[in-house]
């Protein structure tokens, strides 16, 4: 469906119908898709392989849908943070994360966030609106554009995004249709492998169950952050509708439907959720599941009172989970110096 006469965000069949309505040969839709999603064209004049008369008609009826780059920062570790201004003046942040073996992009799905995690910057101003599919995929195009044009230099041998994580501002499963359409566009048109795409959720049970039925080979990451409902309600007051048991049941259904392992995310907060008791409780919940646990060091947010867990507490916590047979990793901290790390993004 064409929203506000914007082309970016249309899939192959929608572009095919549009081209046929213009009286053009069907293969022109593939060319148009290539310019939108592989080359990241900003203007119709960029689309040099399409006939001038077609481009003139398209320019009269449609907008490509690219946003302004309002600000840009690069971390000492090579991470890139972009502030993008949407057509309505709202702003979002997206992050490019170059590694030795891959180049990831952390995507926002909403302007603001409704979940209210008290340790995270993203939800401090609440939810403004959902992003359209084109506004999501454009984040990848813009990071690619900055690197390929030489505006930003990265040490990775990868010059284009080949991994994406839906872990920026917003709750992806509360913007379900746009998120799924963006996933499909990245996979089919931008040629990012499904297994290189991770969709994160705070634990929206109906969304997890719906996603399971899609049977996509993407990774589901569930942000848990607590081993019991009492503590979780304290840390995530905006998402108290579903219990941890319900989230675990939905995650198990996802595993069964897709054959994919689920990742659980756990942000460690000093002397709040990082003790021996919490580790044992978490191990009890996870030990029977086909899952992976990703421990996240707290990334400081100005005006919030939380502290980073002590290394000794992290070590004991991890050892308890490892001894229960749970695969545990510690997420690398990236972009902390430019407020681009997990929990630091804002609108």
Protein backbone atom coordinates (compact mmCIF):
# COMPACT_ATOMS: atom_id res chain seq x y z
CA UNK A 1 0.00 0.00 0.00
CA UNK A 2 1.32 3.46 -0.93
CA UNK A 3 1.31 5.77 2.11
CA UNK A 4 1.55 9.53 1.49
CA UNK A 5 2.76 8.82 -2.07
CA UNK A 6 6.09 7.53 -0.75
CA UNK A 7 7.94 4.83 -2.73
CA UNK A 8 10.41 3.71 -0.07
CA UNK A 9 8.72 0.90 1.85
CA UNK A 10 6.88 -0.60 -1.13
CA UNK A 11 7.57 -4.26 -1.81
CA UNK A 12 8.12 -5.96 -5.17
CA UNK A 13 4.45 -6.65 -5.89
CA UNK A 14 3.45 -3.09 -4.99
CA UNK A 15 6.14 -1.63 -7.23
CA UNK A 16 5.08 -4.04 -9.99
CA UNK A 17 1.48 -2.77 -9.83
CA UNK A 18 2.67 0.83 -9.82
CA UNK A 19 4.82 0.32 -12.92
CA UNK A 20 1.98 -1.44 -14.78
CA UNK A 21 -0.34 1.46 -13.92
CA UNK A 22 2.20 3.74 -15.58
CA UNK A 23 1.99 1.63 -18.75
CA UNK A 24 5.61 0.49 -18.49
CA UNK A 25 7.25 -2.89 -19.02
CA UNK A 26 7.10 -5.09 -15.88
CA UNK A 27 10.90 -5.35 -15.63
CA UNK A 28 11.02 -1.64 -14.79
CA UNK A 29 9.72 -2.50 -11.30
CA UNK A 30 12.86 -4.54 -10.60
CA UNK A 31 15.00 -1.64 -11.76
CA UNK A 32 13.08 0.74 -9.53
CA UNK A 33 13.46 -1.59 -6.55
CA UNK A 34 17.20 -1.81 -7.21
CA UNK A 35 17.53 1.96 -7.13
CA UNK A 36 15.47 2.26 -3.95
CA UNK A 37 16.93 -0.58 -1.89
CA UNK A 38 20.39 -1.38 -3.27
CA UNK A 39 21.60 2.03 -4.42
CA UNK A 40 19.65 4.12 -1.89
CA UNK A 41 18.68 6.75 -4.47
CA UNK A 42 17.79 10.11 -2.94
CA UNK A 43 16.39 11.70 -6.11
CA UNK A 44 14.71 10.45 -9.27
CA UNK A 45 17.61 11.94 -11.24
CA UNK A 46 19.86 9.34 -9.60
CA UNK A 47 17.94 6.53 -11.35
CA UNK A 48 19.95 6.65 -14.57
CA UNK A 49 18.77 3.30 -16.00
CA UNK A 50 15.09 4.33 -16.05
CA UNK A 51 13.58 6.33 -18.95
CA UNK A 52 13.46 10.09 -18.40
CA UNK A 53 9.76 10.23 -19.27
CA UNK A 54 8.93 7.62 -16.60
CA UNK A 55 11.06 9.43 -14.02
CA UNK A 56 9.26 12.69 -14.80
CA UNK A 57 5.86 11.05 -14.23
CA UNK A 58 7.02 9.40 -11.01
CA UNK A 59 8.42 12.70 -9.73
CA UNK A 60 5.04 14.36 -10.29
CA UNK A 61 3.15 11.71 -8.32
CA UNK A 62 5.53 10.31 -5.71
CA UNK A 63 8.27 11.06 -3.22
CA UNK A 64 11.18 8.70 -2.70
CA UNK A 65 10.93 9.09 1.06
CA UNK A 66 14.50 9.78 2.18
CA UNK A 67 15.03 11.73 5.40
CA UNK A 68 17.46 14.48 6.37
CA UNK A 69 20.60 13.69 8.32
CA UNK A 70 20.27 16.13 11.23
CA UNK A 71 23.43 15.10 13.09
CA UNK A 72 26.19 12.53 12.99
CA UNK A 73 28.75 11.29 15.52
CA UNK A 74 31.44 8.62 15.45
CA UNK A 75 32.72 6.85 18.55
CA UNK A 76 36.34 6.11 19.38
CA UNK A 77 35.46 2.43 18.80
CA UNK A 78 34.20 3.16 15.26
CA UNK A 79 30.46 3.06 16.01
CA UNK A 80 28.38 5.58 14.08
CA UNK A 81 25.29 7.38 15.41
CA UNK A 82 22.97 9.23 13.04
CA UNK A 83 20.10 11.51 13.96
CA UNK A 84 17.52 11.40 11.16
CA UNK A 85 14.76 13.96 10.71
CA UNK A 86 11.56 12.51 9.29
CA UNK A 87 9.27 14.35 6.86
CA UNK A 88 7.02 15.48 9.74
CA UNK A 89 9.92 16.91 11.74
CA UNK A 90 10.17 14.05 14.25
CA UNK A 91 13.64 12.60 14.83
CA UNK A 92 15.09 9.15 15.42
CA UNK A 93 18.54 7.76 16.09
CA UNK A 94 20.16 4.78 14.40
CA UNK A 95 23.58 3.23 14.97
CA UNK A 96 26.08 1.54 12.66
CA UNK A 97 28.29 -1.01 14.42
CA UNK A 98 31.37 -2.17 12.49
CA UNK A 99 33.06 -5.37 13.67
CA UNK A 100 35.94 -7.32 12.16
CA UNK A 101 33.60 -9.94 10.67
CA UNK A 102 30.34 -8.03 10.12
CA UNK A 103 28.73 -4.60 9.89
CA UNK A 104 25.56 -4.26 11.96
CA UNK A 105 22.88 -1.59 12.13
CA UNK A 106 20.76 -0.98 15.23
CA UNK A 107 17.33 0.14 14.04
CA UNK A 108 14.58 2.20 15.65
CA UNK A 109 10.96 1.23 14.99
CA UNK A 110 9.13 4.04 16.79
CA UNK A 111 9.67 7.70 17.60
CA UNK A 112 9.98 7.42 21.36
CA UNK A 113 9.00 4.26 23.23
CA UNK A 114 5.94 3.21 25.27
CA UNK A 115 7.47 0.47 27.43
CA UNK A 116 8.82 2.70 30.19
CA UNK A 117 11.96 0.80 31.21
CA UNK A 118 13.17 2.98 34.09
CA UNK A 119 16.86 2.42 33.30
CA UNK A 120 16.62 3.33 29.59
CA UNK A 121 16.77 6.73 27.87
CA UNK A 122 14.55 5.75 24.94
CA UNK A 123 11.22 5.83 26.76
CA UNK A 124 11.73 8.91 28.91
CA UNK A 125 9.62 11.05 26.59
CA UNK A 126 7.00 8.38 25.87
CA UNK A 127 5.75 7.27 22.46
CA UNK A 128 5.32 9.86 19.71
CA UNK A 129 4.39 7.61 16.76
CA UNK A 130 5.18 4.43 14.86
CA UNK A 131 7.66 4.45 12.00
CA UNK A 132 6.60 3.42 8.50
CA UNK A 133 8.42 0.47 6.84
CA UNK A 134 10.36 2.84 4.59
CA UNK A 135 11.50 4.89 7.59
CA UNK A 136 12.90 1.71 9.14
CA UNK A 137 14.76 0.38 6.09
CA UNK A 138 16.06 3.85 5.31
CA UNK A 139 18.22 3.71 8.42
CA UNK A 140 20.31 0.96 6.81
CA UNK A 141 20.50 2.87 3.53
CA UNK A 142 21.73 6.00 5.29
CA UNK A 143 24.51 4.26 7.23
CA UNK A 144 25.62 2.56 3.99
CA UNK A 145 25.52 5.93 2.22
CA UNK A 146 27.71 7.63 4.83
CA UNK A 147 30.33 4.88 4.65
CA UNK A 148 30.36 4.41 0.87
CA UNK A 149 30.63 8.16 0.25
CA UNK A 150 33.64 8.38 2.56
CA UNK A 151 31.94 10.74 5.02
CA UNK A 152 32.55 8.15 7.74
CA UNK A 153 35.46 5.72 7.81
CA UNK A 154 35.18 2.28 9.42
CA UNK A 155 37.89 -0.27 10.17
CA UNK A 156 35.66 -3.25 9.28
CA UNK A 157 36.40 -4.96 5.95
CA UNK A 158 32.64 -4.78 5.36
CA UNK A 159 31.53 -1.59 3.64
CA UNK A 160 27.78 -2.35 3.71
CA UNK A 161 25.40 -3.40 6.45
CA UNK A 162 25.01 -7.19 6.49
CA UNK A 163 23.41 -7.63 9.95
CA UNK A 164 20.51 -5.72 11.50
CA UNK A 165 19.15 -5.66 15.04
CA UNK A 166 15.78 -4.12 15.84
CA UNK A 167 17.05 -2.80 19.18
CA UNK A 168 16.93 0.97 18.77
CA UNK A 169 14.19 3.26 20.03
CA UNK A 170 10.73 1.69 20.27
CA UNK A 171 9.11 -1.72 20.72
CA UNK A 172 9.13 -3.54 17.35
CA UNK A 173 6.18 -5.82 18.14
CA UNK A 174 3.97 -2.83 19.00
CA UNK A 175 4.62 -1.65 15.44
CA UNK A 176 4.18 -5.15 14.09
CA UNK A 177 3.13 -4.63 10.47
CA UNK A 178 5.84 -2.06 9.73
CA UNK A 179 8.48 -4.18 11.45
CA UNK A 180 7.61 -7.35 9.51
CA UNK A 181 7.39 -5.53 6.20
CA UNK A 182 10.80 -3.94 6.89
CA UNK A 183 12.24 -7.38 7.73
CA UNK A 184 10.95 -8.82 4.46
CA UNK A 185 12.26 -5.85 2.44
CA UNK A 186 15.71 -6.14 4.00
CA UNK A 187 15.80 -9.85 3.28
CA UNK A 188 14.42 -9.81 -0.27
CA UNK A 189 15.46 -6.42 -1.67
CA UNK A 190 18.51 -5.49 0.41
CA UNK A 191 19.79 -9.10 0.49
CA UNK A 192 20.41 -9.27 4.21
CA UNK A 193 20.13 -12.91 5.27
CA UNK A 194 17.19 -13.76 7.52
CA UNK A 195 19.53 -15.31 10.09
CA UNK A 196 21.40 -12.01 10.21
CA UNK A 197 18.25 -10.19 11.34
CA UNK A 198 17.32 -9.94 15.03
CA UNK A 199 13.99 -8.59 16.27
CA UNK A 200 13.94 -7.60 19.93
CA UNK A 201 10.90 -7.31 22.18
CA UNK A 202 10.23 -6.44 25.79
CA UNK A 203 7.90 -9.45 25.85
CA UNK A 204 4.74 -8.59 23.89
CA UNK A 205 3.12 -12.02 24.10
CA UNK A 206 0.56 -11.66 21.25
CA UNK A 207 3.33 -10.28 19.03
CA UNK A 208 5.66 -13.19 19.81
CA UNK A 209 2.91 -15.69 19.02
CA UNK A 210 2.08 -13.88 15.77
CA UNK A 211 5.75 -13.71 14.81
CA UNK A 212 6.11 -17.45 15.42
CA UNK A 213 3.40 -18.13 12.82
CA UNK A 214 5.38 -16.17 10.21
CA UNK A 215 8.03 -18.94 10.45
CA UNK A 216 10.79 -16.52 9.50
CA UNK A 217 14.35 -17.68 10.11
CA UNK A 218 15.22 -14.52 12.03
CA UNK A 219 16.41 -14.38 15.63
CA UNK A 220 13.99 -13.38 18.38
CA UNK A 221 15.55 -11.53 21.33
CA UNK A 222 13.41 -11.12 24.46
CA UNK A 223 14.44 -8.40 26.90
CA UNK A 224 13.83 -9.98 30.29
CA UNK A 225 15.92 -7.93 32.77
CA UNK A 226 14.46 -9.67 35.82
CA UNK A 227 13.82 -13.26 36.97
CA UNK A 228 10.48 -12.60 38.69
CA UNK A 229 7.36 -10.54 38.09
CA UNK A 230 7.75 -8.31 41.14
CA UNK A 231 11.17 -7.01 40.09
CA UNK A 232 10.22 -6.86 36.42
CA UNK A 233 7.20 -4.67 37.18
CA UNK A 234 9.49 -2.33 39.08
CA UNK A 235 11.99 -2.09 36.22
CA UNK A 236 9.47 -2.05 33.35
CA UNK A 237 6.30 -0.45 34.78
CA UNK A 238 4.82 0.16 31.33
CA UNK A 239 4.70 -3.55 30.45
CA UNK A 240 3.01 -5.37 33.34
CA UNK A 241 0.26 -7.05 31.31
CA UNK A 242 2.09 -10.35 30.73
CA UNK A 243 3.80 -12.44 33.39
CA UNK A 244 7.23 -13.99 32.95
CA UNK A 245 5.54 -17.41 32.72
CA UNK A 246 3.41 -16.16 29.81
CA UNK A 247 6.49 -14.72 28.10
CA UNK A 248 8.33 -18.03 28.55
CA UNK A 249 5.37 -19.96 27.11
CA UNK A 250 5.24 -17.66 24.07
CA UNK A 251 9.01 -17.99 23.61
CA UNK A 252 8.72 -21.78 23.74
CA UNK A 253 6.04 -21.60 21.06
CA UNK A 254 8.38 -19.51 18.92
CA UNK A 255 11.12 -22.12 19.29
CA UNK A 256 8.73 -24.93 18.39
CA UNK A 257 7.22 -23.13 15.38
CA UNK A 258 10.48 -21.88 13.86
CA UNK A 259 13.15 -24.28 15.08
CA UNK A 260 15.15 -21.21 16.09
CA UNK A 261 16.81 -20.65 19.44
CA UNK A 262 15.61 -17.61 21.40
CA UNK A 263 17.99 -15.06 22.89
CA UNK A 264 17.14 -13.52 26.26
CA UNK A 265 18.57 -10.10 27.08
CA UNK A 266 19.40 -9.12 30.66
CA UNK A 267 20.69 -5.65 31.57
CA UNK A 268 22.65 -5.95 34.80
CA UNK A 269 21.98 -3.20 37.34
CA UNK A 270 24.24 -2.99 40.36
CA UNK A 271 22.65 -4.52 43.49
CA UNK A 272 19.20 -4.53 41.87
CA UNK A 273 19.01 -7.60 39.61
CA UNK A 274 22.59 -8.93 39.64
CA UNK A 275 22.74 -10.95 42.87
CA UNK A 276 23.16 -14.66 43.55
CA UNK A 277 19.44 -15.08 44.28
CA UNK A 278 18.47 -13.48 40.96
CA UNK A 279 21.00 -15.62 39.08
CA UNK A 280 19.64 -18.83 40.59
CA UNK A 281 16.06 -17.78 39.89
CA UNK A 282 16.94 -16.93 36.29
CA UNK A 283 18.74 -20.26 35.84
CA UNK A 284 15.63 -22.09 37.03
CA UNK A 285 13.50 -20.30 34.41
CA UNK A 286 15.87 -20.81 31.47
CA UNK A 287 17.53 -24.18 32.04
CA UNK A 288 14.91 -26.21 30.16
CA UNK A 289 14.72 -23.90 27.13
CA UNK A 290 16.64 -23.88 23.85
CA UNK A 291 18.00 -20.41 24.49
CA UNK A 292 20.99 -18.16 24.80
CA UNK A 293 21.41 -15.48 27.46
CA UNK A 294 23.02 -12.16 26.56
CA UNK A 295 24.16 -10.17 29.60
CA UNK A 296 24.30 -6.42 29.02
CA UNK A 297 26.47 -4.07 31.05
CA UNK A 298 24.44 -1.04 32.04
CA UNK A 299 25.27 1.98 29.90
CA UNK A 300 24.93 5.17 31.97
CA UNK A 301 22.14 7.62 31.18
CA UNK A 302 22.35 11.16 32.53
CA UNK A 303 19.79 11.91 35.28
CA UNK A 304 19.18 8.20 36.00
CA UNK A 305 20.46 6.76 39.33
CA UNK A 306 21.56 3.29 38.17
CA UNK A 307 25.12 1.97 38.31
CA UNK A 308 27.14 -0.61 36.41
CA UNK A 309 27.42 -3.99 38.14
CA UNK A 310 30.77 -4.72 39.75
CA UNK A 311 32.94 -7.14 37.74
CA UNK A 312 32.94 -9.61 40.63
CA UNK A 313 29.13 -9.65 40.72
CA UNK A 314 29.00 -10.13 36.94
CA UNK A 315 31.44 -13.04 37.18
CA UNK A 316 29.51 -14.84 39.93
CA UNK A 317 26.20 -14.24 38.11
CA UNK A 318 27.58 -15.69 34.88
CA UNK A 319 29.15 -18.70 36.62
CA UNK A 320 25.85 -19.65 38.26
CA UNK A 321 24.10 -19.63 34.89
CA UNK A 322 26.92 -21.48 33.15
CA UNK A 323 26.84 -24.18 35.81
CA UNK A 324 23.11 -24.64 35.06
CA UNK A 325 24.00 -25.44 31.44
CA UNK A 326 22.87 -22.11 30.02
CA UNK A 327 24.92 -20.56 27.23
CA UNK A 328 25.84 -17.05 28.36
CA UNK A 329 27.64 -14.24 26.56
CA UNK A 330 28.46 -10.68 27.58
CA UNK A 331 27.50 -8.06 25.02
CA UNK A 332 30.35 -5.83 23.91
CA UNK A 333 29.85 -2.20 24.90
CA UNK A 334 29.95 -0.02 21.79
CA UNK A 335 29.39 3.70 21.32
CA UNK A 336 29.14 4.60 25.01
CA UNK A 337 31.14 7.81 24.52
CA UNK A 338 28.58 9.17 22.02
CA UNK A 339 25.46 7.89 23.84
CA UNK A 340 24.92 5.27 21.15
CA UNK A 341 25.03 2.15 23.33
CA UNK A 342 22.14 -0.06 24.41
CA UNK A 343 19.64 1.98 26.43
CA UNK A 344 21.11 5.36 25.49
CA UNK A 345 19.21 6.19 22.27
CA UNK A 346 16.49 8.84 22.27
CA UNK A 347 14.17 10.57 19.83
